[in-house]
Amino acid sequence: MSKAKPRTLKSIIKAADKDLVDTLCECGLNALKGNVPLSPTQKKKLGKYKSVLRALAKKGTPLQKKKALLQKGGFLGALLGPVLGVLGHLLFQ
């Protein structure tokens, strides 16, 4: 997903169920809390989207609003790159 074309990402998120949206929101929350190690460049890229990440991390944000936030902005690739790197490292230790 981190290297998918915008049109492909939009269709994936549009058809996404609650579990996938919650997983993506959890990735954002972990990045905000510092549970995912980020390089200064990655922090700078994600810093532009901190208000979007906070809105995604809120439990009170409706599912449709979360889907809309995930579809716009183009930050999903910037978020998933570091998260997938950590996940790959943990799986193949």
N, C-alpha and C. Protein backbone atom coordinates (compact mmCIF):
# COMPACT_ATOMS: atom_id res chain seq x y z
N MET A 1 0.81 -1.19 0.00
CA MET A 1 0.00 0.00 0.00
C MET A 1 0.85 1.26 0.00
N SER A 2 2.03 1.18 0.59
CA SER A 2 2.83 2.40 0.70
C SER A 2 3.34 2.88 -0.66
N LYS A 3 3.39 1.99 -1.66
CA LYS A 3 3.88 2.39 -2.98
C LYS A 3 2.80 2.30 -4.05
N ALA A 4 1.55 2.13 -3.63
CA ALA A 4 0.45 2.02 -4.59
C ALA A 4 0.11 3.39 -5.18
N LYS A 5 -0.50 3.36 -6.34
CA LYS A 5 -0.93 4.59 -6.99
C LYS A 5 -2.11 5.19 -6.22
N PRO A 6 -2.27 6.50 -6.25
CA PRO A 6 -3.36 7.15 -5.52
C PRO A 6 -4.75 6.60 -5.85
N ARG A 7 -4.98 6.31 -7.12
CA ARG A 7 -6.29 5.77 -7.51
C ARG A 7 -6.53 4.40 -6.87
N THR A 8 -5.49 3.57 -6.82
CA THR A 8 -5.60 2.25 -6.21
C THR A 8 -5.86 2.37 -4.72
N LEU A 9 -5.12 3.25 -4.05
CA LEU A 9 -5.32 3.46 -2.61
C LEU A 9 -6.73 3.94 -2.31
N LYS A 10 -7.23 4.84 -3.13
CA LYS A 10 -8.57 5.38 -2.92
C LYS A 10 -9.61 4.27 -3.01
N SER A 11 -9.48 3.38 -3.98
CA SER A 11 -10.45 2.30 -4.12
C SER A 11 -10.32 1.28 -2.99
N ILE A 12 -9.10 1.04 -2.51
CA ILE A 12 -8.91 0.12 -1.39
C ILE A 12 -9.56 0.68 -0.13
N ILE A 13 -9.33 1.94 0.14
CA ILE A 13 -9.88 2.56 1.36
C ILE A 13 -11.39 2.69 1.26
N LYS A 14 -11.90 2.97 0.07
CA LYS A 14 -13.34 3.09 -0.11
C LYS A 14 -14.04 1.77 0.21
N ALA A 15 -13.42 0.66 -0.16
CA ALA A 15 -14.01 -0.66 0.08
C ALA A 15 -13.58 -1.27 1.41
N ALA A 16 -12.76 -0.56 2.17
CA ALA A 16 -12.20 -1.11 3.42
C ALA A 16 -13.28 -1.31 4.48
N ASP A 17 -13.10 -2.37 5.24
CA ASP A 17 -14.00 -2.60 6.37
C ASP A 17 -13.45 -1.89 7.61
N LYS A 18 -14.19 -1.98 8.70
CA LYS A 18 -13.82 -1.28 9.93
C LYS A 18 -12.46 -1.75 10.46
N ASP A 19 -12.17 -3.03 10.34
CA ASP A 19 -10.91 -3.56 10.86
C ASP A 19 -9.69 -2.96 10.15
N LEU A 20 -9.76 -2.83 8.84
CA LEU A 20 -8.64 -2.25 8.10
C LEU A 20 -8.44 -0.79 8.45
N VAL A 21 -9.54 -0.04 8.55
CA VAL A 21 -9.45 1.37 8.92
C VAL A 21 -8.87 1.50 10.33
N ASP A 22 -9.34 0.65 11.25
CA ASP A 22 -8.81 0.69 12.62
C ASP A 22 -7.32 0.36 12.66
N THR A 23 -6.89 -0.57 11.83
CA THR A 23 -5.47 -0.93 11.77
C THR A 23 -4.63 0.24 11.28
N LEU A 24 -5.10 0.91 10.24
CA LEU A 24 -4.36 2.08 9.72
C LEU A 24 -4.33 3.20 10.75
N CYS A 25 -5.44 3.38 11.48
CA CYS A 25 -5.49 4.40 12.53
C CYS A 25 -4.54 4.04 13.68
N GLU A 26 -4.44 2.76 13.98
CA GLU A 26 -3.52 2.30 15.02
C GLU A 26 -2.07 2.57 14.62
N CYS A 27 -1.76 2.41 13.34
CA CYS A 27 -0.42 2.74 12.84
C CYS A 27 -0.12 4.22 13.07
N GLY A 28 -1.09 5.06 12.79
CA GLY A 28 -0.92 6.50 13.02
C GLY A 28 -0.73 6.82 14.48
N LEU A 29 -1.50 6.17 15.34
CA LEU A 29 -1.38 6.38 16.78
C LEU A 29 0.00 5.97 17.28
N ASN A 30 0.49 4.83 16.81
CA ASN A 30 1.82 4.38 17.21
C ASN A 30 2.91 5.34 16.75
N ALA A 31 2.73 5.91 15.58
CA ALA A 31 3.70 6.91 15.10
C ALA A 31 3.65 8.16 15.97
N LEU A 32 2.45 8.59 16.36
CA LEU A 32 2.31 9.77 17.22
C LEU A 32 2.91 9.55 18.60
N LYS A 33 2.72 8.35 19.14
CA LYS A 33 3.21 8.05 20.49
C LYS A 33 4.71 7.78 20.53
N GLY A 34 5.33 7.62 19.37
CA GLY A 34 6.76 7.36 19.33
C GLY A 34 7.12 5.90 19.42
N ASN A 35 6.14 5.01 19.24
CA ASN A 35 6.40 3.57 19.28
C ASN A 35 7.06 3.07 18.00
N VAL A 36 7.04 3.87 16.97
CA VAL A 36 7.69 3.54 15.70
C VAL A 36 8.88 4.48 15.55
N PRO A 37 10.10 3.92 15.47
CA PRO A 37 11.26 4.81 15.31
C PRO A 37 11.24 5.48 13.94
N LEU A 38 11.32 6.80 13.96
CA LEU A 38 11.28 7.58 12.72
C LEU A 38 12.58 8.37 12.56
N SER A 39 13.07 8.41 11.34
CA SER A 39 14.24 9.25 11.05
C SER A 39 13.78 10.71 11.02
N PRO A 40 14.71 11.65 11.11
CA PRO A 40 14.32 13.07 11.03
C PRO A 40 13.55 13.41 9.74
N THR A 41 13.92 12.78 8.64
CA THR A 41 13.22 13.02 7.38
C THR A 41 11.78 12.51 7.45
N GLN A 42 11.60 11.32 8.02
CA GLN A 42 10.25 10.77 8.15
C GLN A 42 9.40 11.61 9.10
N LYS A 43 10.01 12.10 10.18
CA LYS A 43 9.28 12.97 11.11
C LYS A 43 8.84 14.24 10.41
N LYS A 44 9.71 14.78 9.58
CA LYS A 44 9.38 16.01 8.87
C LYS A 44 8.21 15.78 7.90
N LYS A 45 8.24 14.65 7.19
CA LYS A 45 7.16 14.32 6.27
C LYS A 45 5.83 14.16 7.01
N LEU A 46 5.85 13.43 8.12
CA LEU A 46 4.62 13.18 8.88
C LEU A 46 4.19 14.40 9.67
N GLY A 47 5.12 15.30 9.98
CA GLY A 47 4.78 16.50 10.75
C GLY A 47 3.74 17.36 10.07
N LYS A 48 3.73 17.34 8.74
CA LYS A 48 2.74 18.11 7.99
C LYS A 48 1.33 17.58 8.22
N TYR A 49 1.23 16.32 8.61
CA TYR A 49 -0.07 15.66 8.73
C TYR A 49 -0.45 15.35 10.18
N LYS A 50 0.16 16.04 11.14
CA LYS A 50 -0.10 15.68 12.54
C LYS A 50 -1.55 15.90 12.95
N SER A 51 -2.22 16.91 12.40
CA SER A 51 -3.63 17.11 12.76
C SER A 51 -4.49 15.99 12.19
N VAL A 52 -4.16 15.51 11.00
CA VAL A 52 -4.89 14.38 10.41
C VAL A 52 -4.64 13.12 11.22
N LEU A 53 -3.39 12.89 11.62
CA LEU A 53 -3.06 11.71 12.43
C LEU A 53 -3.80 11.74 13.76
N ARG A 54 -3.88 12.91 14.37
CA ARG A 54 -4.60 13.02 15.64
C ARG A 54 -6.08 12.74 15.46
N ALA A 55 -6.66 13.24 14.38
CA ALA A 55 -8.08 12.98 14.12
C ALA A 55 -8.33 11.49 13.87
N LEU A 56 -7.40 10.83 13.19
CA LEU A 56 -7.53 9.39 12.96
C LEU A 56 -7.39 8.60 14.26
N ALA A 57 -6.56 9.07 15.16
CA ALA A 57 -6.30 8.36 16.40
C ALA A 57 -7.44 8.51 17.42
N LYS A 58 -8.26 9.55 17.27
CA LYS A 58 -9.37 9.76 18.20
C LYS A 58 -10.40 8.66 18.08
N LYS A 59 -10.85 8.15 19.22
CA LYS A 59 -11.87 7.11 19.19
C LYS A 59 -13.22 7.64 18.76
N GLY A 60 -13.48 8.92 18.99
CA GLY A 60 -14.78 9.50 18.67
C GLY A 60 -14.99 9.88 17.22
N THR A 61 -13.95 9.78 16.40
CA THR A 61 -14.07 10.15 14.99
C THR A 61 -14.85 9.05 14.26
N PRO A 62 -15.94 9.42 13.56
CA PRO A 62 -16.74 8.41 12.84
C PRO A 62 -15.95 7.71 11.74
N LEU A 63 -16.36 6.49 11.44
CA LEU A 63 -15.67 5.66 10.44
C LEU A 63 -15.62 6.35 9.08
N GLN A 64 -16.71 6.95 8.65
CA GLN A 64 -16.74 7.60 7.33
C GLN A 64 -15.76 8.77 7.28
N LYS A 65 -15.64 9.50 8.38
CA LYS A 65 -14.70 10.62 8.45
C LYS A 65 -13.26 10.10 8.38
N LYS A 66 -13.00 8.97 9.08
CA LYS A 66 -11.66 8.38 9.04
C LYS A 66 -11.31 7.93 7.62
N LYS A 67 -12.28 7.32 6.93
CA LYS A 67 -12.03 6.90 5.55
C LYS A 67 -11.72 8.11 4.67
N ALA A 68 -12.46 9.18 4.86
CA ALA A 68 -12.23 10.39 4.07
C ALA A 68 -10.84 10.97 4.36
N LEU A 69 -10.44 10.97 5.62
CA LEU A 69 -9.11 11.47 5.98
C LEU A 69 -8.00 10.62 5.38
N LEU A 70 -8.22 9.30 5.36
CA LEU A 70 -7.21 8.40 4.80
C LEU A 70 -7.07 8.57 3.29
N GLN A 71 -8.16 8.94 2.62
CA GLN A 71 -8.14 9.05 1.17
C GLN A 71 -7.43 10.29 0.66
N LYS A 72 -7.43 11.36 1.43
CA LYS A 72 -6.83 12.58 0.91
C LYS A 72 -5.50 12.88 1.58
N GLY A 73 -4.70 13.66 0.93
CA GLY A 73 -3.47 14.13 1.53
C GLY A 73 -2.22 13.43 1.09
N GLY A 74 -2.28 12.14 0.79
CA GLY A 74 -1.11 11.43 0.34
C GLY A 74 -0.11 11.07 1.43
N PHE A 75 -0.55 11.12 2.68
CA PHE A 75 0.37 10.83 3.77
C PHE A 75 0.46 9.35 4.09
N LEU A 76 -0.41 8.54 3.51
CA LEU A 76 -0.45 7.13 3.85
C LEU A 76 0.87 6.43 3.53
N GLY A 77 1.49 6.77 2.42
CA GLY A 77 2.80 6.19 2.08
C GLY A 77 3.87 6.60 3.06
N ALA A 78 3.83 7.85 3.52
CA ALA A 78 4.80 8.33 4.50
C ALA A 78 4.61 7.63 5.84
N LEU A 79 3.39 7.25 6.15
CA LEU A 79 3.10 6.58 7.41
C LEU A 79 3.44 5.09 7.34
N LEU A 80 3.04 4.44 6.26
CA LEU A 80 3.20 2.99 6.18
C LEU A 80 4.64 2.55 5.95
N GLY A 81 5.45 3.37 5.32
CA GLY A 81 6.85 3.00 5.09
C GLY A 81 7.59 2.64 6.37
N PRO A 82 7.64 3.53 7.36
CA PRO A 82 8.33 3.21 8.62
C PRO A 82 7.65 2.09 9.41
N VAL A 83 6.32 2.05 9.38
CA VAL A 83 5.60 1.02 10.14
C VAL A 83 5.89 -0.36 9.57
N LEU A 84 5.87 -0.47 8.24
CA LEU A 84 6.16 -1.76 7.62
C LEU A 84 7.62 -2.17 7.83
N GLY A 85 8.51 -1.20 7.88
CA GLY A 85 9.91 -1.50 8.17
C GLY A 85 10.09 -2.12 9.54
N VAL A 86 9.41 -1.57 10.53
CA VAL A 86 9.48 -2.11 11.90
C VAL A 86 8.85 -3.49 11.94
N LEU A 87 7.71 -3.64 11.28
CA LEU A 87 7.02 -4.93 11.26
C LEU A 87 7.88 -6.01 10.61
N GLY A 88 8.51 -5.68 9.49
CA GLY A 88 9.40 -6.63 8.83
C GLY A 88 10.58 -7.02 9.70
N HIS A 89 11.12 -6.04 10.41
CA HIS A 89 12.25 -6.32 11.31
C HIS A 89 11.83 -7.27 12.43
N LEU A 90 10.64 -7.06 12.98
CA LEU A 90 10.15 -7.91 14.06
C LEU A 90 9.84 -9.32 13.58
N LEU A 91 9.32 -9.45 12.38
CA LEU A 91 8.95 -10.76 11.86
C LEU A 91 10.16 -11.61 11.50
N PHE A 92 11.22 -10.98 11.04
CA PHE A 92 12.37 -11.75 10.55
C PHE A 92 13.58 -11.68 11.45
N GLN A 93 13.36 -11.50 12.73
CA GLN A 93 14.48 -11.50 13.68
C GLN A 93 14.99 -12.88 13.92
